[in-house]
């Protein structure tokens, strides 16, 4: 499964929400402009998902001096997502137990 997540404002009206979703998807959505940069990761994920392969997990990370393309931005996003949503980004719909995270 490949997920594309974004954050919006709870106070958005329907028109504002639609605009925010459209703007997000231009870059980060399933057909966004950033996807070509991650093509190698997407390709590797596809190979890993085939039957009779070793692993269903692909670690895709990069370090680029804390720029927008560095994984530090992704980690910050998921940390903030977890804080605001009150549940772990790595387990957003837990089957059992309590996935609440502590607000910073």
Protein backbone atom coordinates (compact mmCIF):
# COMPACT_ATOMS: atom_id res chain seq x y z
CA UNK A 1 0.00 0.00 0.00
CA UNK A 2 1.25 3.47 -0.83
CA UNK A 3 -0.37 6.32 1.08
CA UNK A 4 -0.42 10.01 0.29
CA UNK A 5 -1.25 12.09 3.38
CA UNK A 6 -1.68 15.78 3.95
CA UNK A 7 -2.89 18.05 6.71
CA UNK A 8 -5.55 20.71 6.39
CA UNK A 9 -7.42 23.04 8.69
CA UNK A 10 -10.52 21.82 10.47
CA UNK A 11 -12.03 25.28 9.96
CA UNK A 12 -11.81 25.09 6.14
CA UNK A 13 -15.02 25.56 4.21
CA UNK A 14 -15.70 23.02 1.43
CA UNK A 15 -14.26 25.30 -1.27
CA UNK A 16 -11.10 25.99 0.77
CA UNK A 17 -10.66 22.27 1.52
CA UNK A 18 -10.99 21.38 -2.17
CA UNK A 19 -8.37 24.00 -3.07
CA UNK A 20 -6.02 22.74 -0.35
CA UNK A 21 -6.41 19.13 -1.53
CA UNK A 22 -5.80 20.17 -5.15
CA UNK A 23 -2.68 22.15 -4.20
CA UNK A 24 -1.36 19.24 -2.12
CA UNK A 25 -1.92 16.71 -4.89
CA UNK A 26 -0.11 18.83 -7.49
CA UNK A 27 3.15 18.06 -5.67
CA UNK A 28 2.56 15.19 -3.26
CA UNK A 29 -0.47 13.34 -4.66
CA UNK A 30 -0.43 10.04 -6.55
CA UNK A 31 0.24 11.82 -9.87
CA UNK A 32 2.08 14.81 -8.43
CA UNK A 33 5.24 16.51 -9.68
CA UNK A 34 7.38 15.03 -6.91
CA UNK A 35 6.62 11.44 -7.89
CA UNK A 36 9.28 11.23 -10.61
CA UNK A 37 11.94 11.87 -7.97
CA UNK A 38 10.71 8.86 -6.05
CA UNK A 39 10.34 6.60 -9.07
CA UNK A 40 13.21 4.40 -7.95
CA UNK A 41 11.51 3.84 -4.60
CA UNK A 42 8.15 3.16 -6.24
CA UNK A 43 9.80 0.71 -8.64
CA UNK A 44 11.58 -1.04 -5.77
CA UNK A 45 8.33 -1.27 -3.82
CA UNK A 46 6.65 -2.87 -6.82
CA UNK A 47 9.40 -5.47 -7.08
CA UNK A 48 9.19 -6.20 -3.35
CA UNK A 49 5.43 -6.74 -3.59
CA UNK A 50 5.76 -9.53 -6.16
CA UNK A 51 5.21 -13.11 -5.04
CA UNK A 52 8.31 -15.07 -3.98
CA UNK A 53 10.34 -11.98 -3.10
CA UNK A 54 12.26 -11.59 0.12
CA UNK A 55 10.51 -8.69 1.80
CA UNK A 56 7.35 -6.66 1.50
CA UNK A 57 9.11 -3.63 3.02
CA UNK A 58 11.34 -1.14 1.25
CA UNK A 59 13.28 1.43 3.25
CA UNK A 60 13.43 4.59 1.20
CA UNK A 61 15.43 7.36 2.83
CA UNK A 62 17.77 10.10 1.76
CA UNK A 63 19.83 12.82 3.34
CA UNK A 64 20.26 16.13 1.51
CA UNK A 65 21.46 18.61 4.13
CA UNK A 66 17.99 19.15 5.64
CA UNK A 67 16.48 20.46 2.39
CA UNK A 68 12.87 19.87 1.34
CA UNK A 69 13.87 16.62 -0.35
CA UNK A 70 15.59 15.27 2.76
CA UNK A 71 13.77 12.66 4.80
CA UNK A 72 13.92 15.00 7.81
CA UNK A 73 10.92 16.87 6.36
CA UNK A 74 8.98 13.63 6.03
CA UNK A 75 9.83 12.63 9.58
CA UNK A 76 8.76 16.05 10.85
CA UNK A 77 5.48 15.81 8.90
CA UNK A 78 4.61 12.39 10.32
CA UNK A 79 5.60 13.50 13.84
CA UNK A 80 3.30 16.52 13.53
CA UNK A 81 0.56 14.40 11.93
CA UNK A 82 0.73 12.00 14.88
CA UNK A 83 0.60 14.84 17.40
CA UNK A 84 -2.37 16.55 15.76
CA UNK A 85 -4.35 13.40 15.01
CA UNK A 86 -3.72 11.86 18.42
CA UNK A 87 -2.55 8.57 16.92
CA UNK A 88 0.63 7.13 15.46
CA UNK A 89 1.24 7.77 11.77
CA UNK A 90 2.81 4.32 11.58
CA UNK A 91 -0.38 2.75 12.93
CA UNK A 92 -3.23 5.17 12.17
CA UNK A 93 -6.03 2.63 12.55
CA UNK A 94 -4.91 0.24 15.29
CA UNK A 95 -6.91 -2.96 15.65
CA UNK A 96 -6.35 -3.15 19.38
CA UNK A 97 -4.83 -1.17 22.19
CA UNK A 98 -4.49 2.57 22.48
CA UNK A 99 -2.43 4.34 19.82
CA UNK A 100 -2.74 7.79 21.39
CA UNK A 101 0.45 9.80 21.31
CA UNK A 102 1.50 12.42 23.79
CA UNK A 103 1.05 16.01 22.62
CA UNK A 104 4.28 17.99 22.67
